[in-house]
Amino acid sequence: MEPVVRVENLAARFGGRTIFEHVSFEVRPGEVFIILGGSGSGKSTLLKHVIGLYEPAEGRIEVLGEDIDTLRGEARQALLRRIGVMWQSGALFGSLTLAENIEVPLEQHTALPAEARALVAQAKLGLVGLADAALRLPAEISGGMAKRAGIARAMALDPPILFLDEPSAGLDPITSAGLDALIRQLARELGTTFVVVTHELQSILAIGDRCIMLDKDAKGMIAEGDPRRLREESENPVVRAFFRREVLA
């Protein structure tokens, strides 16, 4: 099957400073793909390149068969409507209920009447276990619920790819494990492809089919593959230290 994301020889530079370079990888349909690495390695920067927020200094990014950096106008907007993004905080509108938050992209990008939008919002909240919280405001829910609501909103337009930025950040271990289980369930039952940025080791091992690892000092990729195999078999000392939670000598 053709990859849903293809990155070729990507470089990110800002003000003459290289964040990473020579980054190449592919994301396969239906998998949970992890972008991992330590602080400052460029994980979120890479995500923002892939979804078209940043232009590459070098290289090419293809999403759903389209070169995202060459698309303009309606063609670019049509591609962006086919991806969903959940930011670290959930990025919910505080003055809107959870249901109203999910209706925002439906109102902006579809011609659905209000009743239909409400039904879609309720269905998406049901998928993430928040069917009973539709009328609550973001301030009235927990951090874990906000993350789930953010995923529901990212799913509003039924995109084939969801990008999640640090979904487990700030969550306690039990809530984080529940979110991991939800991601695996959605990938399995809906066939949605997930691209997840995280440095949470337990989540990486729990949900990741494949991963790439970025390194600040190397300014690029230092590993690619099944995270469980990397933990057991990698010969790179930085990769081993990350997966085994060891301090480098």
Protein backbone atom coordinates (compact mmCIF):
# COMPACT_ATOMS: atom_id res chain seq x y z
CA MET A 1 0.00 0.00 0.00
CA GLU A 2 1.14 3.54 -0.74
CA PRO A 3 2.29 5.49 2.33
CA VAL A 4 -0.06 8.19 3.60
CA VAL A 5 2.92 10.35 4.59
CA ARG A 6 6.28 10.40 2.83
CA VAL A 7 9.11 12.66 4.02
CA GLU A 8 12.27 12.86 1.93
CA ASN A 9 15.56 14.46 3.04
CA LEU A 10 13.80 17.09 5.16
CA ALA A 11 15.76 19.88 6.84
CA ALA A 12 14.51 22.52 9.28
CA ARG A 13 16.51 25.71 9.82
CA PHE A 14 15.61 28.95 11.60
CA GLY A 15 17.82 32.01 11.62
CA GLY A 16 20.79 30.02 10.38
CA ARG A 17 20.36 27.39 13.11
CA THR A 18 19.79 23.81 11.96
CA ILE A 19 17.17 21.94 14.00
CA PHE A 20 17.46 18.74 11.98
CA GLU A 21 18.41 17.61 8.48
CA HIS A 22 18.44 14.51 6.27
CA VAL A 23 15.16 13.25 7.80
CA SER A 24 13.35 10.66 5.67
CA PHE A 25 10.55 8.27 6.61
CA GLU A 26 7.18 6.91 5.52
CA VAL A 27 3.94 6.38 7.44
CA ARG A 28 1.80 3.44 6.38
CA PRO A 29 -2.01 3.43 6.30
CA GLY A 30 -3.67 2.40 9.57
CA GLU A 31 -0.58 2.37 11.76
CA VAL A 32 0.28 4.29 14.91
CA PHE A 33 3.53 6.03 14.03
CA ILE A 34 5.56 7.71 16.77
CA ILE A 35 7.92 10.68 16.47
CA LEU A 36 10.06 10.55 19.59
CA GLY A 37 13.17 12.08 21.05
CA GLY A 38 14.45 14.16 23.92
CA SER A 39 13.67 17.80 24.63
CA GLY A 40 14.86 20.11 21.88
CA SER A 41 15.28 17.34 19.31
CA GLY A 42 12.72 18.88 16.93
CA LYS A 43 9.73 16.56 17.39
CA SER A 44 7.05 19.26 17.32
CA THR A 45 8.95 21.17 14.65
CA LEU A 46 8.83 18.08 12.45
CA LEU A 47 5.09 17.72 13.06
CA LYS A 48 4.49 21.33 12.06
CA HIS A 49 6.41 20.76 8.83
CA VAL A 50 4.38 17.68 7.97
CA ILE A 51 1.03 19.47 8.46
CA GLY A 52 2.17 22.48 6.45
CA LEU A 53 2.69 25.11 9.16
CA TYR A 54 6.41 25.43 8.36
CA GLU A 55 8.12 25.36 4.97
CA PRO A 56 11.12 23.02 4.64
CA ALA A 57 14.59 24.46 4.27
CA GLU A 58 15.28 21.38 2.15
CA GLY A 59 13.43 18.25 1.18
CA ARG A 60 9.91 17.19 0.28
CA ILE A 61 6.77 16.23 2.23
CA GLU A 62 3.96 14.25 0.66
CA VAL A 63 0.66 13.77 2.52
CA LEU A 64 -2.06 11.57 1.04
CA GLY A 65 -0.24 11.63 -2.28
CA GLU A 66 0.05 15.44 -2.43
CA ASP A 67 3.14 17.63 -2.05
CA ILE A 68 1.85 19.81 0.78
CA ASP A 69 4.36 22.60 0.17
CA THR A 70 3.45 23.18 -3.47
CA LEU A 71 -0.33 23.22 -3.00
CA ARG A 72 -2.03 26.59 -2.93
CA GLY A 73 -5.55 27.94 -2.56
CA GLU A 74 -8.49 25.54 -2.49
CA ALA A 75 -6.32 22.52 -3.31
CA ARG A 76 -4.28 23.13 -0.15
CA GLN A 77 -7.39 23.68 1.95
CA ALA A 78 -8.94 20.49 0.59
CA LEU A 79 -5.87 18.51 1.70
CA LEU A 80 -5.79 20.14 5.14
CA ARG A 81 -9.45 19.17 5.66
CA ARG A 82 -8.36 15.54 5.28
CA ILE A 83 -6.07 15.65 8.31
CA GLY A 84 -6.93 16.18 11.97
CA VAL A 85 -4.66 17.71 14.60
CA MET A 86 -4.81 17.60 18.39
CA TRP A 87 -2.43 19.98 20.14
CA GLN A 88 -0.88 19.28 23.53
CA SER A 89 -3.37 21.34 25.54
CA GLY A 90 -6.41 20.15 23.60
CA ALA A 91 -6.84 23.77 22.40
CA LEU A 92 -10.57 23.82 23.15
CA PHE A 93 -12.58 27.06 23.01
CA GLY A 94 -13.30 27.85 26.65
CA SER A 95 -16.64 29.57 26.03
CA LEU A 96 -18.09 26.65 24.05
CA THR A 97 -19.40 23.31 25.30
CA LEU A 98 -17.61 20.18 24.20
CA ALA A 99 -20.30 19.51 21.59
CA GLU A 100 -20.04 23.07 20.29
CA ASN A 101 -16.25 22.74 20.07
CA ILE A 102 -16.64 19.72 17.80
CA GLU A 103 -19.22 21.52 15.68
CA VAL A 104 -16.76 24.35 14.85
CA PRO A 105 -14.95 22.55 11.98
CA LEU A 106 -18.28 21.16 10.76
CA GLU A 107 -19.73 24.66 10.58
CA GLN A 108 -16.64 26.04 8.86
CA HIS A 109 -16.08 23.29 6.31
CA THR A 110 -19.41 21.58 5.61
CA ALA A 111 -22.95 22.52 4.62
CA LEU A 112 -24.52 20.33 7.29
CA PRO A 113 -27.55 21.86 9.04
CA ALA A 114 -27.41 22.50 12.78
CA GLU A 115 -29.26 19.30 13.71
CA ALA A 116 -26.88 17.16 11.69
CA ARG A 117 -23.84 18.91 13.18
CA ALA A 118 -25.18 18.20 16.66
CA LEU A 119 -25.62 14.52 15.82
CA VAL A 120 -22.07 14.26 14.44
CA ALA A 121 -20.66 15.98 17.54
CA GLN A 122 -22.51 13.59 19.83
CA ALA A 123 -21.26 10.61 17.83
CA LYS A 124 -17.64 11.78 17.99
CA LEU A 125 -17.87 12.36 21.73
CA GLY A 126 -19.27 8.86 22.07
CA LEU A 127 -16.24 7.43 20.26
CA VAL A 128 -13.90 8.93 22.88
CA GLY A 129 -16.05 8.06 25.88
CA LEU A 130 -17.51 11.53 26.49
CA ALA A 131 -21.10 11.04 25.40
CA ASP A 132 -22.38 12.27 28.78
CA ALA A 133 -20.19 15.39 28.79
CA ALA A 134 -21.44 17.07 25.62
CA LEU A 135 -22.90 20.10 27.42
CA ARG A 136 -19.99 20.69 29.75
CA LEU A 137 -17.46 23.51 29.31
CA PRO A 138 -13.71 22.84 29.08
CA ALA A 139 -13.21 24.38 32.53
CA GLU A 140 -15.57 21.78 33.98
CA ILE A 141 -13.64 18.71 32.83
CA SER A 142 -10.34 17.05 33.70
CA GLY A 143 -7.15 17.24 31.68
CA GLY A 144 -7.65 13.71 30.39
CA MET A 145 -11.17 14.51 29.26
CA ALA A 146 -9.88 17.64 27.49
CA LYS A 147 -7.39 15.50 25.56
CA ARG A 148 -10.20 13.12 24.56
CA ALA A 149 -12.37 16.05 23.49
CA GLY A 150 -9.47 17.38 21.44
CA ILE A 151 -9.22 14.04 19.65
CA ALA A 152 -12.98 14.07 19.03
CA ARG A 153 -12.76 17.52 17.45
CA ALA A 154 -9.81 16.42 15.32
CA MET A 155 -12.02 13.57 14.07
CA ALA A 156 -14.97 15.84 13.22
CA LEU A 157 -14.41 15.76 9.44
CA ASP A 158 -13.53 12.02 9.39
CA PRO A 159 -9.89 12.54 8.35
CA PRO A 160 -7.88 9.44 7.44
CA ILE A 161 -4.88 10.78 9.45
CA LEU A 162 -4.77 12.21 12.96
CA PHE A 163 -1.70 14.06 14.25
CA LEU A 164 -1.39 14.17 18.05
CA ASP A 165 1.12 16.46 19.77
CA GLU A 166 2.19 15.09 23.19
CA PRO A 167 -1.23 13.58 24.02
CA SER A 168 -0.08 12.16 27.38
CA ALA A 169 1.71 15.30 28.61
CA GLY A 170 0.59 16.33 32.09
CA LEU A 171 -1.57 13.26 32.71
CA ASP A 172 -1.29 10.82 35.58
CA PRO A 173 -0.27 7.23 34.69
CA ILE A 174 -3.80 5.79 34.85
CA THR A 175 -5.33 8.55 32.71
CA SER A 176 -2.43 8.27 30.28
CA ALA A 177 -2.92 4.50 29.98
CA GLY A 178 -6.61 5.07 29.23
CA LEU A 179 -5.74 7.53 26.49
CA ASP A 180 -3.24 5.04 25.02
CA ALA A 181 -5.97 2.38 24.95
CA LEU A 182 -8.32 4.81 23.20
CA ILE A 183 -5.75 5.56 20.48
CA ARG A 184 -5.17 1.85 19.85
CA GLN A 185 -8.93 1.24 19.76
CA LEU A 186 -9.59 4.03 17.26
CA ALA A 187 -6.73 2.89 15.03
CA ARG A 188 -8.01 -0.68 15.09
CA GLU A 189 -11.74 -0.06 14.74
CA LEU A 190 -11.73 2.93 12.37
CA GLY A 191 -8.54 2.21 10.43
CA THR A 192 -7.35 5.74 11.18
CA THR A 193 -3.64 6.46 10.83
CA PHE A 194 -2.10 8.16 13.87
CA VAL A 195 1.11 10.18 13.88
CA VAL A 196 1.97 10.85 17.52
CA VAL A 197 4.67 13.14 18.89
CA THR A 198 5.72 12.04 22.37
CA HIS A 199 8.64 11.33 24.66
CA GLU A 200 6.54 9.27 27.12
CA LEU A 201 8.25 5.87 27.07
CA GLN A 202 5.30 3.86 28.38
CA SER A 203 2.99 5.31 25.73
CA ILE A 204 5.54 4.71 22.97
CA LEU A 205 5.80 1.03 23.85
CA ALA A 206 2.04 0.68 24.40
CA ILE A 207 0.72 2.20 21.18
CA GLY A 208 3.55 2.49 18.63
CA ASP A 209 3.67 0.22 15.59
CA ARG A 210 6.77 1.99 14.31
CA CYS A 211 8.74 5.06 15.30
CA ILE A 212 11.55 7.39 14.39
CA MET A 213 13.84 8.94 16.98
CA LEU A 214 15.29 12.43 16.64
CA ASP A 215 18.38 13.56 18.51
CA LYS A 216 19.35 17.14 19.34
CA ASP A 217 23.09 16.55 19.11
CA ALA A 218 22.90 14.55 15.88
CA LYS A 219 20.48 17.13 14.40
CA GLY A 220 18.43 14.40 12.77
CA MET A 221 17.19 10.83 12.94
CA ILE A 222 19.17 8.25 14.84
CA ALA A 223 16.70 5.32 14.78
CA GLU A 224 13.67 3.94 12.96
CA GLY A 225 11.59 0.81 13.50
CA ASP A 226 9.46 -1.08 16.00
CA PRO A 227 10.06 0.62 19.37
CA ARG A 228 10.10 -2.71 21.22
CA ARG A 229 12.84 -4.03 18.93
CA LEU A 230 14.80 -0.81 19.25
CA ARG A 231 14.69 -1.18 23.02
CA GLU A 232 16.12 -4.69 22.83
CA GLU A 233 18.38 -4.58 19.78
CA SER A 234 19.62 -1.05 19.04
CA GLU A 235 23.39 -0.63 19.09
CA ASN A 236 23.16 3.16 19.34
CA PRO A 237 23.99 4.15 22.96
CA VAL A 238 21.63 7.15 22.88
CA VAL A 239 18.73 4.98 21.68
CA ARG A 240 19.50 2.31 24.27
CA ALA A 241 19.68 4.89 27.04
CA PHE A 242 16.33 6.37 26.05
CA PHE A 243 14.45 3.08 25.91
CA ARG A 244 16.10 1.63 29.01
CA ARG A 245 15.93 4.87 31.00
CA GLU A 246 19.64 4.87 31.59
CA VAL A 247 22.02 7.77 32.11
CA LEU A 248 24.73 8.00 29.46
CA ALA A 249 28.24 7.82 30.89
